[in-house]
Amino acid sequence: AVVSTQSGHYGRGSILYDKLDKMVQSGAKIILSKLPIGDVATQYFADRDVFCAGRVTQEDLNRTVKACGGTILTTVNDIKPCDMGQCDNFEEVQIGNERFNMFKGCPKAKTCTLILRGGAEQFIDETERSLHDAIMIVRRALKNDAVVAGGGAIEMELSKELRNYAKTIHGKEQILITAYAKALEVIPRQLCDNAGFDATTILNKLRQKHAQGQKWMGMDISSEDIADNFEACVWEPSIVKRNALTAACEACCTILSIDETIKNPNSNYKPPKPMPGM
């Protein structure tokens, strides 16, 4: 039994070394695996100047293939040169408490990697959210060539037009249109509050400029004042504003269509407290 166990052990070892040798003979210098890589394989690669990394996520593997080329293989048999990716430089860099593997000079790379650092986790999460919003806005602007000025400019212009239109209506609809125009001013007011500005002063200046026909005047965070945001290249895709207004109107109509609310009286039932001493 001992002999058969040892022979089986050596048999499995020879299969392992045969697979490792095929990977080394292929000429690969960097080996990434979705599954963990054992100590024997790690030492085998290290002795032959080959870098290996295990437990690489599928997303990272796909991104590496897109940038460096090559193919994700499921077997080490018949490895061809076309299955191998390329990069000019590869290094492992420690940034903060984390270590990152840097692929530089990738021939097919069309993207870049941004590393966010901060003092607290919530700061990093907020920075990531803001960065993602900015990237998506630019992406939407590239896909849709129609843009409008941001910084509350388009909302103030729409509010002015609705107020003027409401004056031409004699019925009760005038109240609804005026309320809609007033609601649009919430956007520039909130922008002022977020930046720490005096919202009343900024909105008064914007109303004056828009009444004079300067329709692209919006809030300028840099100077704590107002400016022509279209000239300042503070743009937003018009489709984003159109979708936001449509969604807001649909939500308002849904709420107004609710004529009655049904409440289960048993949901507010509280069992009586036990008598003292029981």
Protein backbone atom coordinates (compact mmCIF):
# COMPACT_ATOMS: atom_id res chain seq x y z
CA ALA A 1 0.00 0.00 0.00
CA VAL A 2 2.85 2.34 0.78
CA VAL A 3 4.48 1.65 -2.57
CA SER A 4 1.29 2.28 -4.51
CA THR A 5 0.64 5.50 -2.60
CA GLN A 6 4.15 6.76 -3.27
CA SER A 7 3.97 5.81 -6.93
CA GLY A 8 0.63 7.61 -7.20
CA HIS A 9 2.18 10.66 -5.52
CA TYR A 10 5.08 10.68 -7.91
CA GLY A 11 2.67 10.14 -10.79
CA ARG A 12 0.65 13.20 -9.85
CA GLY A 13 3.88 15.14 -9.37
CA SER A 14 5.13 14.24 -12.83
CA ILE A 15 1.83 15.40 -14.37
CA LEU A 16 2.10 18.69 -12.47
CA TYR A 17 5.70 19.30 -13.50
CA ASP A 18 4.87 18.37 -17.07
CA LYS A 19 2.17 21.06 -17.19
CA LEU A 20 4.44 23.61 -15.54
CA ASP A 21 7.21 22.83 -18.00
CA LYS A 22 4.86 23.33 -20.95
CA MET A 23 3.95 26.78 -19.70
CA VAL A 24 7.58 27.74 -19.24
CA GLN A 25 8.60 26.31 -22.63
CA SER A 26 5.91 28.41 -24.29
CA GLY A 27 7.96 31.50 -23.49
CA ALA A 28 5.43 33.10 -21.14
CA LYS A 29 6.86 35.46 -18.53
CA ILE A 30 3.61 36.35 -16.78
CA ILE A 31 0.99 33.75 -15.90
CA LEU A 32 -2.39 34.71 -14.47
CA SER A 33 -4.87 32.18 -13.13
CA LYS A 34 -8.44 32.44 -11.96
CA LEU A 35 -7.80 29.57 -9.52
CA PRO A 36 -5.23 29.60 -6.71
CA ILE A 37 -1.63 28.62 -7.55
CA GLY A 38 0.08 26.29 -5.11
CA ASP A 39 3.47 26.73 -3.45
CA VAL A 40 5.13 24.13 -5.68
CA ALA A 41 4.06 25.87 -8.88
CA THR A 42 4.94 29.30 -7.48
CA GLN A 43 8.46 28.18 -6.57
CA TYR A 44 8.85 26.42 -9.92
CA PHE A 45 7.99 29.62 -11.79
CA ALA A 46 10.14 31.78 -9.51
CA ASP A 47 13.20 29.60 -10.18
CA ARG A 48 12.72 30.18 -13.91
CA ASP A 49 12.09 33.96 -13.68
CA VAL A 50 8.36 33.69 -14.41
CA PHE A 51 5.80 35.80 -12.54
CA CYS A 52 2.53 34.10 -11.57
CA ALA A 53 -0.60 35.31 -9.83
CA GLY A 54 -3.60 33.30 -8.68
CA ARG A 55 -7.17 34.14 -7.68
CA VAL A 56 -7.41 36.78 -10.43
CA THR A 57 -11.03 37.76 -11.01
CA GLN A 58 -12.68 37.08 -14.35
CA GLU A 59 -13.19 40.80 -14.90
CA ASP A 60 -9.48 41.51 -14.48
CA LEU A 61 -8.61 38.64 -16.83
CA ASN A 62 -10.94 39.98 -19.51
CA ARG A 63 -9.53 43.49 -19.16
CA THR A 64 -5.96 42.20 -19.39
CA VAL A 65 -6.79 40.25 -22.54
CA LYS A 66 -8.37 43.31 -24.13
CA ALA A 67 -5.32 45.45 -23.33
CA CYS A 68 -2.47 43.00 -23.98
CA GLY A 69 -4.07 40.63 -26.46
CA GLY A 70 -3.86 36.87 -26.19
CA THR A 71 -6.45 34.32 -25.14
CA ILE A 72 -7.74 32.89 -21.87
CA LEU A 73 -6.78 29.20 -22.06
CA THR A 74 -8.32 26.27 -20.25
CA THR A 75 -5.46 23.84 -21.02
CA VAL A 76 -1.68 24.05 -21.33
CA ASN A 77 -1.57 21.72 -24.31
CA ASP A 78 -0.74 23.21 -27.70
CA ILE A 79 -0.01 26.78 -26.58
CA LYS A 80 0.50 28.93 -29.67
CA PRO A 81 2.26 32.31 -29.99
CA CYS A 82 -1.05 33.93 -30.94
CA ASP A 83 -2.41 32.92 -27.53
CA MET A 84 0.15 35.10 -25.74
CA GLY A 85 -0.35 38.75 -24.87
CA GLN A 86 2.32 41.43 -24.90
CA CYS A 87 3.31 44.50 -22.93
CA ASP A 88 6.42 46.69 -22.86
CA ASN A 89 6.88 46.73 -19.11
CA PHE A 90 5.44 44.86 -16.13
CA GLU A 91 6.12 45.76 -12.52
CA GLU A 92 4.61 45.30 -9.08
CA VAL A 93 4.13 48.58 -7.25
CA GLN A 94 2.98 49.18 -3.69
CA ILE A 95 0.63 52.15 -3.26
CA GLY A 96 -0.43 52.70 0.31
CA ASN A 97 -1.22 49.35 1.86
CA GLU A 98 -2.05 47.66 -1.45
CA ARG A 99 0.19 46.12 -4.10
CA PHE A 100 -0.72 46.52 -7.75
CA ASN A 101 0.55 44.73 -10.86
CA MET A 102 1.16 47.35 -13.56
CA PHE A 103 0.97 46.42 -17.25
CA LYS A 104 2.51 49.29 -19.22
CA GLY A 105 2.84 49.72 -22.96
CA CYS A 106 -0.04 47.40 -23.85
CA PRO A 107 -0.50 47.36 -27.66
CA LYS A 108 -4.31 47.14 -27.62
CA ALA A 109 -5.02 49.30 -24.59
CA LYS A 110 -7.68 51.97 -25.13
CA THR A 111 -8.36 52.66 -21.48
CA CYS A 112 -6.54 53.79 -18.36
CA THR A 113 -6.73 52.82 -14.72
CA LEU A 114 -7.44 55.41 -12.02
CA ILE A 115 -6.31 54.69 -8.45
CA LEU A 116 -8.31 56.59 -5.84
CA ARG A 117 -6.69 57.26 -2.47
CA GLY A 118 -8.15 58.91 0.58
CA GLY A 119 -8.09 59.08 4.32
CA ALA A 120 -11.38 57.29 4.94
CA GLU A 121 -13.48 54.74 3.09
CA GLN A 122 -16.49 57.04 2.78
CA PHE A 123 -14.34 59.72 1.13
CA ILE A 124 -13.11 57.23 -1.45
CA ASP A 125 -16.65 56.01 -2.12
CA GLU A 126 -17.88 59.57 -2.62
CA THR A 127 -14.96 60.34 -4.94
CA GLU A 128 -15.65 57.20 -6.95
CA ARG A 129 -19.32 58.13 -7.29
CA SER A 130 -18.50 61.66 -8.45
CA LEU A 131 -15.89 60.37 -10.91
CA HIS A 132 -18.30 57.80 -12.30
CA ASP A 133 -20.99 60.46 -12.79
CA ALA A 134 -18.52 62.73 -14.60
CA ILE A 135 -17.35 59.92 -16.90
CA MET A 136 -20.90 58.88 -17.74
CA ILE A 137 -21.86 62.48 -18.54
CA VAL A 138 -18.93 62.79 -20.95
CA ARG A 139 -19.83 59.43 -22.50
CA ARG A 140 -23.43 60.51 -23.00
CA ALA A 141 -22.30 63.85 -24.45
CA LEU A 142 -20.11 62.07 -27.00
CA LYS A 143 -23.00 59.83 -28.08
CA ASN A 144 -25.51 62.71 -28.29
CA ASP A 145 -24.21 65.85 -29.94
CA ALA A 146 -26.90 68.17 -28.49
CA VAL A 147 -25.74 69.90 -25.29
CA VAL A 148 -27.00 72.70 -23.06
CA ALA A 149 -25.25 74.86 -20.49
CA GLY A 150 -25.05 73.42 -16.99
CA GLY A 151 -24.72 75.03 -13.59
CA GLY A 152 -28.45 75.74 -13.40
CA ALA A 153 -28.51 77.79 -16.63
CA ILE A 154 -31.01 75.64 -18.54
CA GLU A 155 -33.30 75.34 -15.49
CA MET A 156 -33.40 79.11 -15.00
CA GLU A 157 -34.14 79.65 -18.70
CA LEU A 158 -36.95 77.09 -18.65
CA SER A 159 -38.33 78.68 -15.50
CA LYS A 160 -38.35 82.11 -17.15
CA GLU A 161 -40.11 80.80 -20.26
CA LEU A 162 -42.76 78.99 -18.21
CA ARG A 163 -43.43 82.10 -16.10
CA ASN A 164 -43.92 84.17 -19.23
CA TYR A 165 -46.17 81.49 -20.73
CA ALA A 166 -48.24 81.28 -17.54
CA LYS A 167 -49.12 84.98 -17.86
CA THR A 168 -50.92 84.24 -21.12
CA ILE A 169 -53.28 81.72 -19.48
CA HIS A 170 -56.33 82.93 -17.52
CA GLY A 171 -57.45 79.62 -16.02
CA LYS A 172 -56.29 77.57 -13.07
CA GLU A 173 -53.58 76.07 -15.26
CA GLN A 174 -51.63 79.27 -14.64
CA ILE A 175 -51.07 78.18 -11.05
CA LEU A 176 -49.75 74.78 -12.12
CA ILE A 177 -47.36 76.22 -14.70
CA THR A 178 -46.08 78.81 -12.23
CA ALA A 179 -45.48 76.08 -9.64
CA TYR A 180 -43.58 74.04 -12.25
CA ALA A 181 -41.43 77.07 -13.06
CA LYS A 182 -40.71 77.60 -9.36
CA ALA A 183 -39.78 73.92 -8.94
CA LEU A 184 -37.13 74.21 -11.66
CA GLU A 185 -35.28 76.76 -9.54
CA VAL A 186 -34.61 74.05 -6.97
CA ILE A 187 -31.67 72.79 -9.08
CA PRO A 188 -29.57 75.99 -9.05
CA ARG A 189 -30.57 76.62 -5.44
CA GLN A 190 -29.32 73.17 -4.42
CA LEU A 191 -26.08 73.73 -6.36
CA CYS A 192 -25.53 76.94 -4.39
CA ASP A 193 -26.21 75.18 -1.10
CA ASN A 194 -23.79 72.37 -1.97
CA ALA A 195 -21.06 74.89 -2.83
CA GLY A 196 -21.71 76.98 0.29
CA PHE A 197 -22.90 80.07 -1.64
CA ASP A 198 -25.72 82.50 -0.83
CA ALA A 199 -28.50 80.94 -2.91
CA THR A 200 -30.79 83.99 -2.70
CA THR A 201 -28.17 86.36 -4.13
CA ILE A 202 -27.14 83.99 -6.91
CA LEU A 203 -30.72 83.28 -7.97
CA ASN A 204 -31.59 86.98 -8.04
CA LYS A 205 -28.63 87.63 -10.34
CA LEU A 206 -29.61 84.72 -12.58
CA ARG A 207 -33.22 85.92 -12.86
CA GLN A 208 -32.00 89.36 -13.88
CA LYS A 209 -29.59 88.06 -16.55
CA HIS A 210 -32.10 85.61 -18.00
CA ALA A 211 -34.75 88.34 -18.15
CA GLN A 212 -32.25 90.35 -20.23
CA GLY A 213 -31.95 87.47 -22.73
CA GLN A 214 -28.66 85.93 -21.53
CA LYS A 215 -29.99 82.38 -21.54
CA TRP A 216 -26.72 80.54 -20.81
CA MET A 217 -25.94 82.33 -17.54
CA GLY A 218 -25.43 79.89 -14.68
CA MET A 219 -23.61 79.46 -11.42
CA ASP A 220 -19.81 79.73 -11.46
CA ILE A 221 -18.24 77.80 -8.58
CA SER A 222 -14.73 79.15 -9.21
CA SER A 223 -15.63 82.82 -8.74
CA GLU A 224 -18.64 82.34 -6.42
CA ASP A 225 -20.70 84.30 -8.93
CA ILE A 226 -22.53 83.74 -12.22
CA ALA A 227 -21.03 83.33 -15.69
CA ASP A 228 -21.83 82.28 -19.24
CA ASN A 229 -21.48 78.53 -18.77
CA PHE A 230 -21.73 77.77 -22.47
CA GLU A 231 -18.61 79.86 -23.11
CA ALA A 232 -16.99 78.31 -20.03
CA CYS A 233 -17.61 74.81 -21.49
CA VAL A 234 -19.84 73.74 -18.60
CA TRP A 235 -22.12 71.55 -20.70
CA GLU A 236 -24.65 68.82 -20.10
CA PRO A 237 -26.25 66.52 -22.69
CA SER A 238 -29.73 67.73 -23.55
CA ILE A 239 -31.04 64.15 -23.45
CA VAL A 240 -30.11 63.94 -19.76
CA LYS A 241 -32.18 67.02 -18.96
CA ARG A 242 -35.04 65.77 -21.11
CA ASN A 243 -35.07 62.39 -19.37
CA ALA A 244 -34.88 64.01 -15.93
CA LEU A 245 -37.87 66.25 -16.62
CA THR A 246 -39.85 63.37 -18.09
CA ALA A 247 -39.14 61.13 -15.09
CA ALA A 248 -40.07 63.90 -12.65
CA CYS A 249 -43.37 64.57 -14.43
CA GLU A 250 -44.24 60.88 -14.51
CA ALA A 251 -43.49 60.50 -10.80
CA CYS A 252 -45.63 63.54 -10.00
CA CYS A 253 -48.53 62.22 -12.09
CA THR A 254 -48.29 58.83 -10.38
CA ILE A 255 -48.48 60.43 -6.93
CA LEU A 256 -51.42 62.65 -7.94
CA SER A 257 -53.30 59.65 -9.35
CA ILE A 258 -53.43 58.03 -5.89
CA ASP A 259 -56.92 58.80 -4.59
CA GLU A 260 -56.96 56.65 -1.48
CA THR A 261 -54.56 54.93 0.88
CA ILE A 262 -55.50 51.66 2.56
CA LYS A 263 -53.97 51.00 5.97
CA ASN A 264 -54.12 47.73 7.80
CA PRO A 265 -55.31 48.55 11.33
CA ASN A 266 -53.65 45.43 12.74
CA SER A 267 -50.23 46.72 11.71
CA ASN A 268 -50.44 49.35 14.46
CA TYR A 269 -51.67 46.87 17.07
CA LYS A 270 -49.44 46.57 20.11
CA PRO A 271 -49.97 43.69 22.56
CA PRO A 272 -50.81 44.77 26.12
CA LYS A 273 -48.01 44.74 28.60
CA PRO A 274 -48.17 42.04 31.30
CA MET A 275 -49.33 42.97 34.75
CA PRO A 276 -46.61 43.71 37.30
CA GLY A 277 -45.52 40.67 39.23
CA MET A 278 -46.72 38.21 36.61
